[in-house]
N, C-alpha and C. Protein backbone atom coordinates (compact mmCIF):
# COMPACT_ATOMS: atom_id res chain seq x y z
N UNK A 1 82.67 114.83 100.24
CA UNK A 1 82.61 113.68 99.44
C UNK A 1 81.96 112.35 99.98
N UNK A 2 81.19 111.74 99.43
CA UNK A 2 80.58 110.48 99.81
C UNK A 2 81.36 109.35 99.73
N UNK A 3 81.13 108.28 100.43
CA UNK A 3 81.94 106.92 100.63
C UNK A 3 82.04 106.33 99.20
N UNK A 4 81.10 106.11 98.38
CA UNK A 4 81.26 105.34 97.03
C UNK A 4 81.99 106.24 96.15
N UNK A 5 81.74 107.77 95.97
CA UNK A 5 82.77 108.28 95.11
C UNK A 5 84.24 108.46 95.71
N UNK A 6 84.53 108.26 96.99
CA UNK A 6 85.75 108.21 97.37
C UNK A 6 86.48 106.80 97.12
N UNK A 7 85.71 105.83 97.10
CA UNK A 7 86.09 104.43 96.65
C UNK A 7 86.29 104.39 95.47
N UNK A 8 85.68 104.94 94.61
CA UNK A 8 85.69 104.90 93.01
C UNK A 8 86.99 105.70 92.70
N UNK A 9 87.08 106.98 93.28
CA UNK A 9 88.07 107.95 92.78
C UNK A 9 89.55 107.97 93.13
N UNK A 10 89.58 107.29 94.62
CA UNK A 10 90.75 107.29 95.39
C UNK A 10 91.26 105.87 95.89
N UNK A 11 90.35 104.81 95.75
CA UNK A 11 90.85 103.67 96.30
C UNK A 11 90.83 102.59 95.33
N UNK A 12 89.81 102.56 94.44
CA UNK A 12 89.85 101.52 93.09
C UNK A 12 91.09 101.50 92.38
N UNK A 13 91.78 100.66 92.08
CA UNK A 13 92.87 100.69 91.23
C UNK A 13 92.39 100.61 89.69
N UNK A 14 91.19 100.31 89.41
CA UNK A 14 90.68 100.06 88.03
C UNK A 14 89.41 101.15 87.94
N UNK A 15 88.82 101.41 86.85
CA UNK A 15 87.78 102.23 86.59
C UNK A 15 86.50 101.44 86.95
N UNK A 16 85.44 102.08 87.50
CA UNK A 16 84.01 101.36 87.99
C UNK A 16 83.25 101.80 87.08
N UNK A 17 82.32 101.03 86.41
CA UNK A 17 81.22 101.23 85.80
C UNK A 17 79.93 100.53 86.33
N UNK A 18 78.84 101.21 85.87
CA UNK A 18 77.49 100.61 86.42
C UNK A 18 76.87 100.22 85.33
N UNK A 19 76.20 99.08 85.16
CA UNK A 19 75.60 98.39 84.25
C UNK A 19 74.30 97.46 84.81
N UNK A 20 73.28 97.06 84.01
CA UNK A 20 72.47 96.16 84.49
C UNK A 20 73.16 94.81 84.21
N UNK A 21 73.29 94.10 85.22
CA UNK A 21 73.58 92.68 85.36
C UNK A 21 72.60 91.80 85.49
N UNK A 22 72.26 90.92 84.36
CA UNK A 22 71.13 90.15 84.63
C UNK A 22 71.39 88.86 85.14
N UNK A 23 72.59 88.43 85.22
CA UNK A 23 73.18 87.06 86.11
C UNK A 23 72.60 87.01 87.35
N UNK A 24 72.20 88.07 88.06
CA UNK A 24 71.94 88.19 89.47
C UNK A 24 73.00 88.41 90.26
N UNK A 25 74.21 88.75 89.85
CA UNK A 25 75.30 89.12 90.59
C UNK A 25 75.32 90.63 90.84
N UNK A 26 75.77 90.91 91.98
CA UNK A 26 75.74 92.61 92.36
C UNK A 26 76.79 93.17 91.54
N UNK A 27 77.85 92.46 91.28
CA UNK A 27 78.99 93.00 90.72
C UNK A 27 80.05 92.10 90.17
N UNK A 28 81.07 92.57 89.52
CA UNK A 28 82.16 91.59 89.20
C UNK A 28 83.29 92.63 88.93
N UNK A 29 84.54 91.93 88.91
CA UNK A 29 85.77 92.37 88.36
C UNK A 29 86.25 91.70 87.11
N UNK A 30 86.33 92.44 86.05
CA UNK A 30 86.97 91.89 84.84
C UNK A 30 88.38 92.03 84.71
N UNK A 31 89.06 91.02 84.85
CA UNK A 31 90.65 91.13 84.71
C UNK A 31 91.21 91.41 83.26
N UNK A 32 90.44 90.91 82.29
CA UNK A 32 90.75 91.11 80.80
C UNK A 32 90.49 92.51 80.42
N UNK A 33 89.43 93.15 80.96
CA UNK A 33 89.15 94.55 80.87
C UNK A 33 89.48 95.49 81.83
N UNK A 34 90.08 94.95 82.81
CA UNK A 34 90.63 95.86 84.11
C UNK A 34 89.63 96.91 84.47
N UNK A 35 88.45 96.29 84.66
CA UNK A 35 87.45 97.40 85.28
C UNK A 35 86.42 96.46 86.40
N UNK A 36 85.89 97.17 87.10
CA UNK A 36 84.77 96.79 88.07
C UNK A 36 83.41 97.26 87.37
N UNK A 37 82.47 96.24 87.52
CA UNK A 37 81.21 96.49 86.92
C UNK A 37 80.29 96.34 88.31
N UNK A 38 79.37 97.26 88.53
CA UNK A 38 78.41 97.12 89.78
C UNK A 38 77.04 97.23 89.13
N UNK A 39 76.22 96.45 89.46
CA UNK A 39 74.72 96.35 89.02
C UNK A 39 73.95 97.76 89.38
N UNK A 40 73.46 98.39 88.51
CA UNK A 40 72.48 99.61 88.74
C UNK A 40 71.46 99.47 89.59
N UNK A 41 71.09 97.95 89.87
CA UNK A 41 69.86 98.04 90.83
C UNK A 41 70.46 98.23 92.21
N UNK A 42 71.48 98.33 92.49
CA UNK A 42 71.99 98.40 94.05
C UNK A 42 72.66 99.65 94.30
N UNK A 43 72.57 100.61 93.43
CA UNK A 43 73.11 101.89 93.48
C UNK A 43 72.27 102.65 94.61
N UNK A 44 72.93 103.27 95.49
CA UNK A 44 72.31 104.13 96.42
C UNK A 44 72.03 103.23 97.82
N UNK A 45 72.51 101.86 97.85
CA UNK A 45 72.10 101.17 98.83
C UNK A 45 73.35 100.83 99.48
N UNK A 46 73.27 100.14 100.82
CA UNK A 46 74.53 99.88 101.65
C UNK A 46 75.20 98.63 100.94
N UNK A 47 74.56 97.71 100.03
CA UNK A 47 74.89 96.78 99.43
C UNK A 47 75.98 97.20 98.23
N UNK A 48 75.79 98.25 97.80
CA UNK A 48 76.62 99.10 96.72
C UNK A 48 77.89 99.27 97.39
N UNK A 49 78.17 99.51 98.66
CA UNK A 49 79.28 99.81 99.22
C UNK A 49 80.09 98.47 99.61
N UNK A 50 79.43 97.63 99.94
CA UNK A 50 79.87 96.25 100.16
C UNK A 50 80.33 95.44 99.07
N UNK A 51 79.56 95.53 97.88
CA UNK A 51 80.03 95.15 96.50
C UNK A 51 81.26 95.69 95.92
N UNK A 52 81.12 97.10 96.00
CA UNK A 52 82.28 97.74 95.59
C UNK A 52 83.78 97.42 96.28
N UNK A 53 83.61 97.29 97.49
CA UNK A 53 84.73 96.87 98.50
C UNK A 53 85.16 95.50 97.92
N UNK A 54 84.12 94.35 97.76
CA UNK A 54 84.63 93.15 97.38
C UNK A 54 85.08 93.08 96.06
N UNK A 55 84.72 93.80 95.11
CA UNK A 55 85.25 93.87 93.74
C UNK A 55 86.55 94.60 93.78
N UNK A 56 86.92 95.82 94.58
CA UNK A 56 88.09 96.27 94.69
C UNK A 56 89.20 95.21 95.36
N UNK A 57 88.62 94.51 96.20
CA UNK A 57 89.73 93.38 96.81
C UNK A 57 90.11 92.45 95.76
N UNK A 58 89.04 92.01 94.95
CA UNK A 58 89.67 91.28 93.74
C UNK A 58 90.65 92.09 92.87
N UNK A 59 90.11 93.33 92.43
CA UNK A 59 91.30 93.98 91.62
C UNK A 59 92.69 93.88 91.98
N UNK A 60 92.86 94.32 93.52
CA UNK A 60 94.04 94.24 94.04
C UNK A 60 94.71 92.94 94.24
N UNK A 61 94.04 91.95 94.74
CA UNK A 61 94.44 90.51 94.79
C UNK A 61 94.94 89.66 93.48
N UNK A 62 93.95 89.78 92.64
CA UNK A 62 93.91 89.08 91.38
C UNK A 62 95.33 89.68 90.37
N UNK A 63 95.33 90.98 90.43
CA UNK A 63 96.37 91.69 89.71
C UNK A 63 97.97 91.40 90.47
N UNK A 64 98.00 91.16 91.80
CA UNK A 64 99.27 90.89 92.39
C UNK A 64 99.62 89.39 92.21
N UNK A 65 98.57 88.51 91.82
CA UNK A 65 98.91 87.01 91.88
C UNK A 65 99.77 86.57 90.63
N UNK A 66 100.82 86.03 91.00
CA UNK A 66 101.98 85.48 89.76
C UNK A 66 101.17 84.37 89.03
N UNK A 67 100.28 83.58 89.78
CA UNK A 67 99.54 82.43 88.87
C UNK A 67 98.20 82.61 89.15
N UNK A 68 97.34 82.06 88.45
CA UNK A 68 95.80 82.05 88.65
C UNK A 68 95.49 81.36 89.83
N UNK A 69 94.96 82.01 90.95
CA UNK A 69 94.54 81.71 92.09
C UNK A 69 93.19 80.93 91.94
N UNK A 70 93.06 79.94 92.93
CA UNK A 70 91.74 79.21 93.00
C UNK A 70 90.76 80.01 93.04
N UNK A 71 89.67 79.92 92.32
CA UNK A 71 88.36 80.87 92.28
C UNK A 71 87.65 80.66 93.70
N UNK A 72 87.58 79.64 94.31
CA UNK A 72 86.98 79.75 95.70
C UNK A 72 87.70 80.25 96.69
N UNK A 73 89.05 80.20 96.52
CA UNK A 73 89.91 80.81 97.63
C UNK A 73 89.84 82.48 97.33
N UNK A 74 89.80 82.76 96.03
CA UNK A 74 89.72 84.15 95.86
C UNK A 74 88.49 84.86 96.16
N UNK A 75 87.50 84.08 96.16
CA UNK A 75 86.13 84.64 96.66
C UNK A 75 86.17 84.69 98.14
N UNK A 76 86.67 83.76 98.87
CA UNK A 76 86.81 83.80 100.29
C UNK A 76 87.61 85.18 100.74
N UNK A 77 88.83 85.25 99.96
CA UNK A 77 89.76 86.32 100.37
C UNK A 77 88.94 87.96 99.95
N UNK A 78 88.31 87.95 99.14
CA UNK A 78 87.65 89.12 98.67
C UNK A 78 86.59 89.65 99.79
N UNK A 79 85.65 88.58 99.91
CA UNK A 79 84.76 88.68 100.83
C UNK A 79 85.10 88.87 102.33
N UNK A 80 86.23 88.25 102.68
CA UNK A 80 86.53 88.46 104.10
C UNK A 80 87.36 89.80 104.39
N UNK A 81 88.18 90.08 103.25
CA UNK A 81 88.76 91.49 103.49
C UNK A 81 87.77 92.49 103.33
N UNK A 82 86.73 92.44 102.37
CA UNK A 82 85.59 93.39 102.41
C UNK A 82 84.93 93.65 103.54
N UNK A 83 84.68 92.32 104.50
CA UNK A 83 83.97 92.46 105.73
C UNK A 83 84.72 93.17 106.81
N UNK A 84 86.09 93.02 106.65
CA UNK A 84 86.88 93.66 107.65
C UNK A 84 86.69 95.22 107.35
N UNK A 85 86.77 95.69 106.07
CA UNK A 85 86.82 96.97 105.70
C UNK A 85 85.31 97.59 106.18
N UNK A 86 84.39 96.74 105.79
CA UNK A 86 83.02 97.14 106.05
C UNK A 86 82.88 97.33 107.52
N UNK A 87 83.50 96.52 108.44
CA UNK A 87 83.18 96.56 109.98
C UNK A 87 84.00 97.74 110.34
N UNK A 88 85.19 98.28 109.83
CA UNK A 88 85.93 99.26 110.09
C UNK A 88 85.11 100.58 109.79
N UNK A 89 84.37 100.57 108.90
CA UNK A 89 83.67 101.80 108.40
C UNK A 89 82.33 101.72 109.04
N UNK A 90 82.04 100.92 109.79
CA UNK A 90 80.62 100.77 110.68
C UNK A 90 79.76 100.11 110.07
N UNK A 91 79.94 99.31 109.15
CA UNK A 91 78.80 98.63 108.31
C UNK A 91 78.90 97.38 108.48
N UNK A 92 77.61 96.70 108.92
CA UNK A 92 77.56 95.28 109.27
C UNK A 92 76.95 94.68 108.05
N UNK A 93 78.16 93.75 107.72
CA UNK A 93 77.83 92.95 106.38
C UNK A 93 77.67 91.57 106.76
N UNK A 94 77.77 91.16 108.18
CA UNK A 94 77.99 89.86 108.38
C UNK A 94 76.77 88.92 108.04
N UNK A 95 75.43 89.47 107.96
CA UNK A 95 74.25 88.70 107.43
C UNK A 95 74.56 88.09 105.95
N UNK A 96 75.09 88.94 105.26
CA UNK A 96 75.74 88.60 103.69
C UNK A 96 77.01 87.78 103.84
N UNK A 97 77.83 88.47 104.38
CA UNK A 97 79.34 87.91 104.08
C UNK A 97 79.59 86.53 104.91
N UNK A 98 79.06 86.18 105.91
CA UNK A 98 79.39 84.99 106.49
C UNK A 98 78.73 83.78 105.73
N UNK A 99 77.59 83.81 105.13
CA UNK A 99 76.95 82.86 104.26
C UNK A 99 77.89 82.78 102.86
N UNK A 100 78.27 83.81 102.42
CA UNK A 100 79.05 84.05 101.26
C UNK A 100 80.29 83.20 101.45
N UNK A 101 81.04 83.60 102.41
CA UNK A 101 82.43 82.99 102.81
C UNK A 101 82.25 81.30 103.03
N UNK A 102 81.01 81.03 103.84
CA UNK A 102 80.92 79.69 104.12
C UNK A 102 80.55 78.91 102.74
N UNK A 103 79.86 79.51 101.70
CA UNK A 103 79.31 78.67 100.57
C UNK A 103 80.68 78.54 99.78
N UNK A 104 81.66 79.42 99.64
CA UNK A 104 82.66 79.31 98.76
C UNK A 104 83.92 78.49 99.49
N UNK A 105 83.83 78.52 100.82
CA UNK A 105 85.12 77.69 101.33
C UNK A 105 84.57 76.28 101.78
N UNK A 106 83.38 75.90 101.60
CA UNK A 106 82.79 74.55 102.06
C UNK A 106 83.68 73.48 101.61
N UNK A 107 84.41 73.35 100.53
CA UNK A 107 85.38 72.47 100.09
C UNK A 107 86.68 72.64 100.39
N UNK A 108 86.96 73.42 101.22
CA UNK A 108 88.30 73.95 101.38
C UNK A 108 89.09 73.22 102.63
N UNK A 109 90.05 72.94 102.68
CA UNK A 109 90.68 72.43 104.02
C UNK A 109 91.09 73.70 104.93
N UNK A 110 91.26 73.26 106.21
CA UNK A 110 91.75 74.20 107.24
C UNK A 110 93.29 74.75 106.81
N UNK A 111 93.97 74.04 106.36
CA UNK A 111 95.33 74.64 105.87
C UNK A 111 95.19 75.65 104.60
N UNK A 112 94.29 75.22 103.58
CA UNK A 112 94.15 76.29 102.43
C UNK A 112 93.48 77.40 102.88
N UNK A 113 92.55 77.36 103.86
CA UNK A 113 91.90 78.73 104.35
C UNK A 113 93.03 79.46 105.19
N UNK A 114 93.65 78.89 106.01
CA UNK A 114 94.63 79.52 106.96
C UNK A 114 95.75 80.19 106.01
N UNK A 115 96.12 79.55 105.08
CA UNK A 115 97.14 80.09 104.20
C UNK A 115 96.62 81.46 103.69
N UNK A 116 95.42 81.64 103.51
CA UNK A 116 94.83 82.96 102.93
C UNK A 116 94.78 84.25 103.85
N UNK A 117 95.06 83.88 105.24
CA UNK A 117 94.84 84.87 106.17
C UNK A 117 95.81 86.11 106.02
N UNK A 118 97.03 85.86 105.58
CA UNK A 118 97.90 86.86 105.45
C UNK A 118 97.49 87.84 104.32
N UNK A 119 96.79 87.29 103.24
CA UNK A 119 96.46 87.94 102.19
C UNK A 119 95.17 88.84 102.58
N UNK A 120 94.44 88.18 103.24
CA UNK A 120 93.25 88.91 103.80
C UNK A 120 93.54 90.22 104.66
N UNK A 121 94.51 89.92 105.63
CA UNK A 121 94.89 91.05 106.35
C UNK A 121 95.68 92.27 105.70
N UNK A 122 96.43 91.82 104.72
CA UNK A 122 97.17 92.77 103.99
C UNK A 122 96.26 93.49 103.08
N UNK A 123 95.33 93.05 102.32
CA UNK A 123 94.25 93.51 101.59
C UNK A 123 93.74 94.57 102.41
N UNK A 124 93.04 94.20 103.54
CA UNK A 124 92.07 95.00 104.40
C UNK A 124 93.00 96.28 104.77
N UNK A 125 94.21 95.88 105.39
CA UNK A 125 94.95 96.95 105.81
C UNK A 125 95.32 98.10 104.69
N UNK A 126 95.54 97.58 103.55
CA UNK A 126 95.94 98.47 102.54
C UNK A 126 94.76 99.28 102.02
N UNK A 127 93.43 98.68 101.91
CA UNK A 127 92.24 99.48 101.67
C UNK A 127 91.90 100.55 102.71
N UNK A 128 92.11 99.95 103.93
CA UNK A 128 91.75 101.02 105.10
C UNK A 128 92.75 102.08 105.05
N UNK A 129 94.07 101.97 104.66
CA UNK A 129 94.91 103.13 104.70
C UNK A 129 94.64 103.85 103.55
N UNK A 130 94.35 103.43 102.33
CA UNK A 130 93.91 104.26 101.12
C UNK A 130 92.74 105.03 101.59
N UNK A 131 91.73 104.60 102.04
CA UNK A 131 90.57 105.11 102.60
C UNK A 131 90.87 106.33 103.54
N UNK A 132 91.92 106.27 104.59
CA UNK A 132 91.96 107.19 105.54
C UNK A 132 92.82 108.27 104.76
N UNK A 133 93.75 107.92 104.01
CA UNK A 133 94.64 108.88 103.09
C UNK A 133 93.62 109.80 102.40
N UNK A 134 92.73 109.15 101.58
CA UNK A 134 91.51 109.80 100.80
C UNK A 134 90.69 110.74 101.71
N UNK A 135 90.40 110.25 103.00
CA UNK A 135 89.64 111.16 103.89
C UNK A 135 90.39 112.26 104.34
N UNK A 136 91.53 112.05 104.71
CA UNK A 136 92.47 113.28 105.21
C UNK A 136 92.49 114.24 104.00
N UNK A 137 93.02 113.83 102.84
CA UNK A 137 93.25 114.82 101.88
C UNK A 137 91.84 115.50 101.41
N UNK A 138 90.82 114.78 101.54
CA UNK A 138 89.30 115.30 101.48
C UNK A 138 89.24 116.46 102.37
N UNK A 139 89.73 116.46 103.42
CA UNK A 139 89.47 117.36 104.61
C UNK A 139 90.20 118.77 104.23
N UNK A 140 91.19 118.61 103.39
CA UNK A 140 91.94 119.97 103.04
C UNK A 140 91.14 121.05 102.42
């Protein structure tokens, strides 16, 4: 099984759909529709995996929040956790991820960013664990 089907079938907590996204975004997580949408233009590319992981992080993080999180911090959390998982998978997303995190965190204080570190660590560990479990069950 390939990585994308593994992420969709065994890791994502919500359905994943592919659509033409005209806004220029690579993907998004819709909390109201409880689904992830990935732009068809990035299918079959490394960016598809990076985007899918980012949106999976949103799906886990946002559904676990008791109150609406700050949009900018939510983006930092999703991209940072996705970066960690990409690194674990051997995918270098630093060219994209570092600029993305910097742009979303530019107005945040050190204290605000530090407060999100446990969430980033927990999300990335959880997703890595789910990937490992899916890979082991796929070997059977």
